[in-house]
Amino acid sequence: MRIRKLHEWNVTTAEARALQERLAPKVRLKPLPRRPALVAGVDIALSRRLGRCFASALVLSFPDMEPVEQALAEDELRFPYVPGLLTFREGAVSLKALAKLQHVPDVVMFDGQGLAHPRRLGLASHMGLWLGLPTVGCAKSRLIGTHAEVGESKGESTPLLDDGEQIGVVLRTRTRVKPVFVSPGHLADFESSARLVLECCTRYRLPEPTRQAHIAVGDAKRARIGDL
């Protein structure tokens, strides 16, 4: 999978924020493909002891969620933990894993935020600009924004708002189980992002692309640590 270079990753925190401000207006919202053939998931694991970060990118067929391809990557952990600058900690290794894929997915799902970010450029949005592909963020917790109570049944949702602006969807993917926070990344919109996440959820709270990527990257990290 070919990925064009958008910018350097070796930046300061101030430069990272300035990059987000510059890139955010380039994000475009539009409906996702109604029936994508391939959906990818990306997740990251960190080892502070080793100073390393690990990424898994896997491709599943849609809608049956069967594995098609998986790629792993490892890199040095260079950027500090700073709320709102997750991409500069995890972005480069994510792209390294995605670049190994032979199949180009129709949509890429990230365990993180898209528009639901203080500068409207969370991990999914930022990666979407790098990839030039539709991307969706599905996070386990809220970064910013407020919302009404979500109904308890699977499929119920409510908008996630920031000063009256919609930035995401709070979505119940299993009845009486904590909701997830869905936000469009790039070349996606609120309705189609939430629909895709729900359609990718089978027996679990989290959608299969990022859930399976999480398992794979955890296995890779444990294997690497065990080799030392």
C-alpha atoms as a PDB file:
ATOM      1  CA  MET A   1       0.000   0.000   0.000  1.00  0.00           C
ATOM      2  CA  ARG A   2       1.567   3.274  -1.114  1.00  0.00           C
ATOM      3  CA  ILE A   3       1.396   6.233   1.269  1.00  0.00           C
ATOM      4  CA  ARG A   4       2.370   9.758   0.306  1.00  0.00           C
ATOM      5  CA  LYS A   5       4.431  11.833   2.737  1.00  0.00           C
ATOM      6  CA  LEU A   6       2.467  14.656   4.316  1.00  0.00           C
ATOM      7  CA  HIS A   7       5.007  16.072   6.787  1.00  0.00           C
ATOM      8  CA  GLU A   8       7.912  15.183   9.072  1.00  0.00           C
ATOM      9  CA  TRP A   9       7.243  13.486  12.422  1.00  0.00           C
ATOM     10  CA  ASN A  10      10.239  14.887  14.276  1.00  0.00           C
ATOM     11  CA  VAL A  11       8.517  17.984  15.692  1.00  0.00           C
ATOM     12  CA  THR A  12       8.108  19.773  19.000  1.00  0.00           C
ATOM     13  CA  THR A  13       4.773  19.889  20.804  1.00  0.00           C
ATOM     14  CA  ALA A  14       4.257  23.493  19.643  1.00  0.00           C
ATOM     15  CA  GLU A  15       5.020  22.501  16.045  1.00  0.00           C
ATOM     16  CA  ALA A  16       2.646  19.536  16.372  1.00  0.00           C
ATOM     17  CA  ARG A  17      -0.220  21.777  17.444  1.00  0.00           C
ATOM     18  CA  ALA A  18       0.540  24.196  14.609  1.00  0.00           C
ATOM     19  CA  LEU A  19       0.488  21.279  12.136  1.00  0.00           C
ATOM     20  CA  GLN A  20      -2.915  20.223  13.414  1.00  0.00           C
ATOM     21  CA  GLU A  21      -4.242  23.750  12.977  1.00  0.00           C
ATOM     22  CA  ARG A  22      -2.907  23.854   9.424  1.00  0.00           C
ATOM     23  CA  LEU A  23      -4.141  20.416   8.392  1.00  0.00           C
ATOM     24  CA  ALA A  24      -7.601  20.405  10.002  1.00  0.00           C
ATOM     25  CA  PRO A  25      -9.252  22.502   7.243  1.00  0.00           C
ATOM     26  CA  LYS A  26      -8.191  19.865   4.704  1.00  0.00           C
ATOM     27  CA  VAL A  27     -10.455  17.217   6.278  1.00  0.00           C
ATOM     28  CA  ARG A  28     -13.545  16.514   4.186  1.00  0.00           C
ATOM     29  CA  LEU A  29     -16.840  15.033   5.367  1.00  0.00           C
ATOM     30  CA  LYS A  30     -18.813  12.843   2.977  1.00  0.00           C
ATOM     31  CA  PRO A  31     -20.771   9.575   3.238  1.00  0.00           C
ATOM     32  CA  LEU A  32     -18.730   6.390   3.351  1.00  0.00           C
ATOM     33  CA  PRO A  33     -19.223   3.754   0.650  1.00  0.00           C
ATOM     34  CA  ARG A  34     -22.511   2.060   1.448  1.00  0.00           C
ATOM     35  CA  ARG A  35     -21.148  -1.471   1.078  1.00  0.00           C
ATOM     36  CA  PRO A  36     -17.358  -1.471   1.422  1.00  0.00           C
ATOM     37  CA  ALA A  37     -15.661  -4.708   0.423  1.00  0.00           C
ATOM     38  CA  LEU A  38     -12.671  -4.344   2.761  1.00  0.00           C
ATOM     39  CA  VAL A  39     -12.435  -2.602   6.134  1.00  0.00           C
ATOM     40  CA  ALA A  40      -9.095  -2.208   7.917  1.00  0.00           C
ATOM     41  CA  GLY A  41      -8.478  -1.746  11.616  1.00  0.00           C
ATOM     42  CA  VAL A  42      -5.406  -0.233  13.279  1.00  0.00           C
ATOM     43  CA  ASP A  43      -4.320  -0.341  16.916  1.00  0.00           C
ATOM     44  CA  ILE A  44      -1.170   0.502  18.869  1.00  0.00           C
ATOM     45  CA  ALA A  45       0.604  -0.887  21.927  1.00  0.00           C
ATOM     46  CA  LEU A  46       3.401   0.893  23.782  1.00  0.00           C
ATOM     47  CA  SER A  47       6.260  -0.369  25.921  1.00  0.00           C
ATOM     48  CA  ARG A  48       7.704   2.461  27.966  1.00  0.00           C
ATOM     49  CA  ARG A  49      10.261   0.077  29.448  1.00  0.00           C
ATOM     50  CA  LEU A  50      11.594  -0.739  25.987  1.00  0.00           C
ATOM     51  CA  GLY A  51      10.901   2.722  24.581  1.00  0.00           C
ATOM     52  CA  ARG A  52       9.122   1.051  21.653  1.00  0.00           C
ATOM     53  CA  CYS A  53       5.721   1.286  20.006  1.00  0.00           C
ATOM     54  CA  PHE A  54       3.995  -1.503  18.104  1.00  0.00           C
ATOM     55  CA  ALA A  55       1.242  -1.323  15.471  1.00  0.00           C
ATOM     56  CA  SER A  56      -1.118  -3.815  13.919  1.00  0.00           C
ATOM     57  CA  ALA A  57      -3.025  -3.143  10.700  1.00  0.00           C
ATOM     58  CA  LEU A  58      -5.415  -5.814   9.548  1.00  0.00           C
ATOM     59  CA  VAL A  59      -7.914  -6.063   6.735  1.00  0.00           C
ATOM     60  CA  LEU A  60     -11.277  -7.799   7.104  1.00  0.00           C
ATOM     61  CA  SER A  61     -13.884  -8.572   4.486  1.00  0.00           C
ATOM     62  CA  PHE A  62     -17.193  -6.787   4.880  1.00  0.00           C
ATOM     63  CA  PRO A  63     -19.815  -7.583   6.061  1.00  0.00           C
ATOM     64  CA  ASP A  64     -18.734 -11.057   7.191  1.00  0.00           C
ATOM     65  CA  MET A  65     -15.630  -9.802   9.064  1.00  0.00           C
ATOM     66  CA  GLU A  66     -13.360 -12.565   7.795  1.00  0.00           C
ATOM     67  CA  PRO A  67      -9.561 -11.946   7.965  1.00  0.00           C
ATOM     68  CA  VAL A  68      -7.912 -11.034   4.671  1.00  0.00           C
ATOM     69  CA  GLU A  69      -4.475  -9.705   5.641  1.00  0.00           C
ATOM     70  CA  GLN A  70      -2.473  -8.533   8.629  1.00  0.00           C
ATOM     71  CA  ALA A  71       0.694  -6.454   9.007  1.00  0.00           C
ATOM     72  CA  LEU A  72       2.773  -5.556  12.050  1.00  0.00           C
ATOM     73  CA  ALA A  73       5.312  -2.802  12.652  1.00  0.00           C
ATOM     74  CA  GLU A  74       7.582  -1.621  15.447  1.00  0.00           C
ATOM     75  CA  ASP A  75       9.333   1.694  15.989  1.00  0.00           C
ATOM     76  CA  GLU A  76      11.101   3.794  18.576  1.00  0.00           C
ATOM     77  CA  LEU A  77       8.843   5.700  20.975  1.00  0.00           C
ATOM     78  CA  ARG A  78       9.949   9.292  20.376  1.00  0.00           C
ATOM     79  CA  PHE A  79       7.092  11.650  21.226  1.00  0.00           C
ATOM     80  CA  PRO A  80       5.909  12.275  24.819  1.00  0.00           C
ATOM     81  CA  TYR A  81       2.380  11.637  26.018  1.00  0.00           C
ATOM     82  CA  VAL A  82       0.474  14.895  25.500  1.00  0.00           C
ATOM     83  CA  PRO A  83      -3.349  14.937  25.453  1.00  0.00           C
ATOM     84  CA  GLY A  84      -4.545  15.958  21.990  1.00  0.00           C
ATOM     85  CA  LEU A  85      -1.263  15.002  20.295  1.00  0.00           C
ATOM     86  CA  LEU A  86      -1.753  11.240  20.170  1.00  0.00           C
ATOM     87  CA  THR A  87      -1.042  11.106  16.439  1.00  0.00           C
ATOM     88  CA  PHE A  88       2.538  12.266  16.926  1.00  0.00           C
ATOM     89  CA  ARG A  89       3.104   9.358  19.294  1.00  0.00           C
ATOM     90  CA  GLU A  90       1.310   6.693  17.261  1.00  0.00           C
ATOM     91  CA  GLY A  91       0.972   7.964  13.695  1.00  0.00           C
ATOM     92  CA  ALA A  92       4.328   7.018  12.199  1.00  0.00           C
ATOM     93  CA  VAL A  93       4.221   3.395  13.380  1.00  0.00           C
ATOM     94  CA  SER A  94       0.589   3.098  12.243  1.00  0.00           C
ATOM     95  CA  LEU A  95       1.587   4.183   8.749  1.00  0.00           C
ATOM     96  CA  LYS A  96       4.538   1.794   8.828  1.00  0.00           C
ATOM     97  CA  ALA A  97       2.161  -1.118   9.407  1.00  0.00           C
ATOM     98  CA  LEU A  98      -0.383   0.102   6.846  1.00  0.00           C
ATOM     99  CA  ALA A  99       2.334   0.478   4.205  1.00  0.00           C
ATOM    100  CA  LYS A 100       2.976  -3.275   4.419  1.00  0.00           C
ATOM    101  CA  LEU A 101      -0.555  -4.168   3.350  1.00  0.00           C
ATOM    102  CA  GLN A 102      -1.022  -5.565  -0.138  1.00  0.00           C
ATOM    103  CA  HIS A 103      -4.774  -4.913  -0.116  1.00  0.00           C
ATOM    104  CA  VAL A 104      -6.042  -1.319  -0.164  1.00  0.00           C
ATOM    105  CA  PRO A 105      -9.063  -1.096   2.165  1.00  0.00           C
ATOM    106  CA  ASP A 106     -12.171   0.911   1.367  1.00  0.00           C
ATOM    107  CA  VAL A 107     -12.260   2.293   4.918  1.00  0.00           C
ATOM    108  CA  VAL A 108      -9.709   2.340   7.759  1.00  0.00           C
ATOM    109  CA  MET A 109     -10.921   2.334  11.365  1.00  0.00           C
ATOM    110  CA  PHE A 110      -8.758   3.610  14.215  1.00  0.00           C
ATOM    111  CA  ASP A 111      -8.976   3.147  17.974  1.00  0.00           C
ATOM    112  CA  GLY A 112      -9.037   6.880  18.605  1.00  0.00           C
ATOM    113  CA  GLN A 113     -10.748  10.129  17.742  1.00  0.00           C
ATOM    114  CA  GLY A 114     -11.483  11.754  14.408  1.00  0.00           C
ATOM    115  CA  LEU A 115     -13.188  15.161  14.489  1.00  0.00           C
ATOM    116  CA  ALA A 116     -13.878  14.779  18.221  1.00  0.00           C
ATOM    117  CA  HIS A 117     -10.670  16.609  19.045  1.00  0.00           C
ATOM    118  CA  PRO A 118      -9.903  20.136  20.317  1.00  0.00           C
ATOM    119  CA  ARG A 119      -8.399  21.116  16.955  1.00  0.00           C
ATOM    120  CA  ARG A 120     -10.670  18.782  14.915  1.00  0.00           C
ATOM    121  CA  LEU A 121      -7.741  16.578  13.911  1.00  0.00           C
ATOM    122  CA  GLY A 122      -7.626  13.429  15.986  1.00  0.00           C
ATOM    123  CA  LEU A 123      -5.748  10.295  14.992  1.00  0.00           C
ATOM    124  CA  ALA A 124      -8.342   9.070  12.464  1.00  0.00           C
ATOM    125  CA  SER A 125      -8.602  12.456  10.725  1.00  0.00           C
ATOM    126  CA  HIS A 126      -4.843  12.980  10.619  1.00  0.00           C
ATOM    127  CA  MET A 127      -4.222   9.465   9.276  1.00  0.00           C
ATOM    128  CA  GLY A 128      -6.956   9.953   6.693  1.00  0.00           C
ATOM    129  CA  LEU A 129      -5.054  12.895   5.220  1.00  0.00           C
ATOM    130  CA  TRP A 130      -1.896  10.781   5.036  1.00  0.00           C
ATOM    131  CA  LEU A 131      -3.704   7.860   3.421  1.00  0.00           C
ATOM    132  CA  GLY A 132      -6.126   9.713   1.151  1.00  0.00           C
ATOM    133  CA  LEU A 133      -8.714   7.102   2.206  1.00  0.00           C
ATOM    134  CA  PRO A 134     -11.957   7.210   4.189  1.00  0.00           C
ATOM    135  CA  THR A 135     -11.209   6.854   7.903  1.00  0.00           C
ATOM    136  CA  VAL A 136     -13.318   6.507  11.046  1.00  0.00           C
ATOM    137  CA  GLY A 137     -12.402   6.948  14.699  1.00  0.00           C
ATOM    138  CA  CYS A 138     -13.994   4.672  17.291  1.00  0.00           C
ATOM    139  CA  ALA A 139     -12.794   5.478  20.799  1.00  0.00           C
ATOM    140  CA  LYS A 140     -13.576   3.734  24.076  1.00  0.00           C
ATOM    141  CA  SER A 141     -13.715   7.027  25.982  1.00  0.00           C
ATOM    142  CA  ARG A 142     -14.536  10.699  25.408  1.00  0.00           C
ATOM    143  CA  LEU A 143     -11.776  13.249  24.790  1.00  0.00           C
ATOM    144  CA  ILE A 144     -13.945  16.361  24.552  1.00  0.00           C
ATOM    145  CA  GLY A 145     -17.598  17.265  24.128  1.00  0.00           C
ATOM    146  CA  THR A 146     -20.906  16.761  25.896  1.00  0.00           C
ATOM    147  CA  HIS A 147     -23.901  14.586  25.131  1.00  0.00           C
ATOM    148  CA  ALA A 148     -27.343  13.566  26.321  1.00  0.00           C
ATOM    149  CA  GLU A 149     -28.002  10.165  27.832  1.00  0.00           C
ATOM    150  CA  VAL A 150     -27.942   7.320  25.330  1.00  0.00           C
ATOM    151  CA  GLY A 151     -30.758   4.788  25.230  1.00  0.00           C
ATOM    152  CA  GLU A 152     -29.833   1.375  26.639  1.00  0.00           C
ATOM    153  CA  SER A 153     -30.609  -0.690  23.529  1.00  0.00           C
ATOM    154  CA  LYS A 154     -28.085  -1.672  20.865  1.00  0.00           C
ATOM    155  CA  GLY A 155     -28.034   0.838  18.006  1.00  0.00           C
ATOM    156  CA  GLU A 156     -29.243   3.829  19.998  1.00  0.00           C
ATOM    157  CA  SER A 157     -27.135   6.956  19.739  1.00  0.00           C
ATOM    158  CA  THR A 158     -26.923  10.638  20.532  1.00  0.00           C
ATOM    159  CA  PRO A 159     -24.773  13.449  19.070  1.00  0.00           C
ATOM    160  CA  LEU A 160     -21.493  14.393  20.721  1.00  0.00           C
ATOM    161  CA  LEU A 161     -21.322  18.200  20.804  1.00  0.00           C
ATOM    162  CA  ASP A 162     -18.695  20.851  21.440  1.00  0.00           C
ATOM    163  CA  ASP A 163     -20.152  24.354  21.919  1.00  0.00           C
ATOM    164  CA  GLY A 164     -23.173  23.335  19.847  1.00  0.00           C
ATOM    165  CA  GLU A 165     -21.132  21.840  17.007  1.00  0.00           C
ATOM    166  CA  GLN A 166     -21.505  18.134  16.345  1.00  0.00           C
ATOM    167  CA  ILE A 167     -18.137  16.400  16.528  1.00  0.00           C
ATOM    168  CA  GLY A 168     -19.169  12.776  16.901  1.00  0.00           C
ATOM    169  CA  VAL A 169     -21.779  10.192  17.838  1.00  0.00           C
ATOM    170  CA  VAL A 170     -22.131   8.386  21.149  1.00  0.00           C
ATOM    171  CA  LEU A 171     -23.229   4.911  20.068  1.00  0.00           C
ATOM    172  CA  ARG A 172     -24.522   1.934  22.035  1.00  0.00           C
ATOM    173  CA  THR A 173     -23.151  -1.158  20.301  1.00  0.00           C
ATOM    174  CA  ARG A 174     -24.494  -3.675  22.842  1.00  0.00           C
ATOM    175  CA  THR A 175     -27.596  -3.429  24.981  1.00  0.00           C
ATOM    176  CA  ARG A 176     -26.857  -2.092  28.484  1.00  0.00           C
ATOM    177  CA  VAL A 177     -23.107  -1.975  27.758  1.00  0.00           C
ATOM    178  CA  LYS A 178     -21.059   1.240  27.822  1.00  0.00           C
ATOM    179  CA  PRO A 179     -21.275   3.158  24.517  1.00  0.00           C
ATOM    180  CA  VAL A 180     -18.393   3.979  22.198  1.00  0.00           C
ATOM    181  CA  PHE A 181     -17.461   7.394  20.810  1.00  0.00           C
ATOM    182  CA  VAL A 182     -17.530   7.469  17.017  1.00  0.00           C
ATOM    183  CA  SER A 183     -16.298  10.382  14.951  1.00  0.00           C
ATOM    184  CA  PRO A 184     -15.580  10.743  11.239  1.00  0.00           C
ATOM    185  CA  GLY A 185     -11.936  10.867  10.327  1.00  0.00           C
ATOM    186  CA  HIS A 186     -11.636  11.942   6.687  1.00  0.00           C
ATOM    187  CA  LEU A 187     -13.933  11.296   3.714  1.00  0.00           C
ATOM    188  CA  ALA A 188     -16.601  10.072   6.146  1.00  0.00           C
ATOM    189  CA  ASP A 189     -19.590  11.615   7.903  1.00  0.00           C
ATOM    190  CA  PHE A 190     -21.411  11.133  11.202  1.00  0.00           C
ATOM    191  CA  GLU A 191     -24.251   8.908  10.035  1.00  0.00           C
ATOM    192  CA  SER A 192     -22.211   6.572   7.853  1.00  0.00           C
ATOM    193  CA  SER A 193     -19.385   6.322  10.421  1.00  0.00           C
ATOM    194  CA  ALA A 194     -21.799   5.273  13.164  1.00  0.00           C
ATOM    195  CA  ARG A 195     -23.540   2.841  10.822  1.00  0.00           C
ATOM    196  CA  LEU A 196     -20.262   1.201   9.820  1.00  0.00           C
ATOM    197  CA  VAL A 197     -19.116   0.817  13.427  1.00  0.00           C
ATOM    198  CA  LEU A 198     -22.423  -0.784  14.367  1.00  0.00           C
ATOM    199  CA  GLU A 199     -22.310  -3.135  11.380  1.00  0.00           C
ATOM    200  CA  CYS A 200     -18.766  -4.173  12.322  1.00  0.00           C
ATOM    201  CA  CYS A 201     -19.797  -5.085  15.876  1.00  0.00           C
ATOM    202  CA  THR A 202     -20.647  -8.753  16.277  1.00  0.00           C
ATOM    203  CA  ARG A 203     -20.667 -10.173  19.799  1.00  0.00           C
ATOM    204  CA  TYR A 204     -18.552  -7.463  21.395  1.00  0.00           C
ATOM    205  CA  ARG A 205     -18.732  -3.800  22.364  1.00  0.00           C
ATOM    206  CA  LEU A 206     -15.904  -2.847  19.990  1.00  0.00           C
ATOM    207  CA  PRO A 207     -15.993  -3.199  16.181  1.00  0.00           C
ATOM    208  CA  GLU A 208     -14.133  -6.212  14.847  1.00  0.00           C
ATOM    209  CA  PRO A 209     -11.461  -4.329  12.840  1.00  0.00           C
ATOM    210  CA  THR A 210     -10.047  -2.476  15.850  1.00  0.00           C
ATOM    211  CA  ARG A 211     -10.854  -5.255  18.321  1.00  0.00           C
ATOM    212  CA  GLN A 212      -8.882  -7.793  16.313  1.00  0.00           C
ATOM    213  CA  ALA A 213      -6.083  -5.286  15.687  1.00  0.00           C
ATOM    214  CA  HIS A 214      -5.878  -4.767  19.453  1.00  0.00           C
ATOM    215  CA  ILE A 215      -5.472  -8.502  20.057  1.00  0.00           C
ATOM    216  CA  ALA A 216      -2.845  -8.816  17.325  1.00  0.00           C
ATOM    217  CA  VAL A 217      -0.712  -5.907  18.507  1.00  0.00           C
ATOM    218  CA  GLY A 218      -0.906  -7.105  22.109  1.00  0.00           C
ATOM    219  CA  ASP A 219       0.358 -10.518  21.015  1.00  0.00           C
ATOM    220  CA  ALA A 220       3.178  -8.883  19.034  1.00  0.00           C
ATOM    221  CA  LYS A 221       4.250  -6.767  21.992  1.00  0.00           C
ATOM    222  CA  ARG A 222       4.278  -9.742  24.361  1.00  0.00           C
ATOM    223  CA  ALA A 223       6.271 -11.816  21.879  1.00  0.00           C
ATOM    224  CA  ARG A 224       8.816  -9.030  21.464  1.00  0.00           C
ATOM    225  CA  ILE A 225       9.235  -8.574  25.207  1.00  0.00           C
ATOM    226  CA  GLY A 226       9.567 -12.328  25.599  1.00  0.00           C
ATOM    227  CA  ASP A 227      12.398 -12.379  23.070  1.00  0.00           C
ATOM    228  CA  LEU A 228      14.545 -10.068  25.188  1.00  0.00           C
END
